Amino acid sequence: MTTNELEKSPEYWMTGVQIDVFNMVEGYEMAEIENLGISKKEMRKILSDNYNPKLLELITLACNLGYIPEIKFIKK
């Protein structure tokens, strides 16, 4: 797959978002995450390969973990 083809793939960009989410929660214990209102089940779903969370869920998670979400769409 060429770089151009890869950049057109929604799965490619979703994988990047999942990596960002994983990095956000990496230092937290599951009990801490649950205290922020995010269940173990939700967290497992968000980090799974076949889950497609709503943008609002990702923004809520980021805010609950003390992050400010930044979303940019850049024209090629």
Protein backbone atom coordinates (compact mmCIF):
# COMPACT_ATOMS: atom_id res chain seq x y z
CA MET A 1 0.00 0.00 0.00
CA THR A 2 1.39 3.39 -0.94
CA THR A 3 1.50 6.37 1.44
CA ASN A 4 -1.18 8.08 -0.62
CA GLU A 5 -3.46 5.04 -0.36
CA LEU A 6 -2.78 4.75 3.35
CA GLU A 7 -3.69 8.39 3.98
CA LYS A 8 -7.05 7.83 2.28
CA SER A 9 -7.89 4.98 4.63
CA PRO A 10 -10.17 5.88 7.58
CA GLU A 11 -8.79 2.85 9.43
CA TYR A 12 -5.31 4.37 9.29
CA TRP A 13 -6.49 7.56 11.00
CA MET A 14 -8.61 5.66 13.53
CA THR A 15 -5.56 3.61 14.52
CA GLY A 16 -3.71 6.85 15.20
CA VAL A 17 -6.56 8.03 17.44
CA GLN A 18 -6.56 4.71 19.32
CA ILE A 19 -2.81 5.05 19.92
CA ASP A 20 -3.38 8.56 21.28
CA VAL A 21 -6.10 7.25 23.62
CA PHE A 22 -3.84 4.43 24.78
CA ASN A 23 -1.08 6.95 25.53
CA MET A 24 -3.54 9.11 27.51
CA VAL A 25 -4.61 6.26 29.79
CA GLU A 26 -1.25 4.49 30.02
CA GLY A 27 -0.23 5.85 33.44
CA TYR A 28 -3.61 5.37 35.09
CA GLU A 29 -4.76 2.47 37.23
CA MET A 30 -8.15 1.06 36.24
CA ALA A 31 -9.60 2.17 39.60
CA GLU A 32 -8.57 5.77 38.84
CA ILE A 33 -10.23 5.61 35.44
CA GLU A 34 -13.41 4.21 37.00
CA ASN A 35 -13.42 7.11 39.50
CA LEU A 36 -13.53 9.43 36.49
CA GLY A 37 -16.78 7.79 35.36
CA ILE A 38 -15.33 5.42 32.76
CA SER A 39 -16.11 1.75 33.33
CA LYS A 40 -13.67 -1.09 32.68
CA LYS A 41 -16.01 -2.35 29.99
CA GLU A 42 -16.05 1.04 28.23
CA MET A 43 -12.28 1.32 28.44
CA ARG A 44 -11.77 -2.16 26.99
CA LYS A 45 -14.14 -1.31 24.13
CA ILE A 46 -12.38 1.98 23.38
CA LEU A 47 -8.99 0.27 23.24
CA SER A 48 -10.11 -2.70 21.15
CA ASP A 49 -9.29 -2.87 17.45
CA ASN A 50 -12.86 -3.35 16.27
CA TYR A 51 -14.53 -0.57 18.28
CA ASN A 52 -15.56 2.64 16.55
CA PRO A 53 -16.30 5.15 19.32
CA LYS A 54 -18.28 8.30 18.77
CA LEU A 55 -16.22 11.45 18.66
CA LEU A 56 -18.09 12.69 21.73
CA GLU A 57 -16.96 9.62 23.69
CA LEU A 58 -13.32 10.31 22.86
CA ILE A 59 -13.65 13.99 23.74
CA THR A 60 -15.35 13.11 27.03
CA LEU A 61 -12.60 10.64 27.87
CA ALA A 62 -9.91 13.21 27.09
CA CYS A 63 -11.59 15.87 29.22
CA ASN A 64 -12.08 13.44 32.12
CA LEU A 65 -8.38 12.59 32.01
CA GLY A 66 -7.37 16.26 32.05
CA TYR A 67 -6.60 16.66 28.35
CA ILE A 68 -7.89 19.30 25.98
CA PRO A 69 -8.86 17.67 22.70
CA GLU A 70 -7.53 19.26 19.54
CA ILE A 71 -8.99 18.13 16.25
CA LYS A 72 -7.70 19.51 12.97
CA PHE A 73 -8.71 18.81 9.42
CA ILE A 74 -5.93 19.75 7.03
CA LYS A 75 -6.59 20.07 3.31
CA LYS A 76 -4.07 18.19 1.21
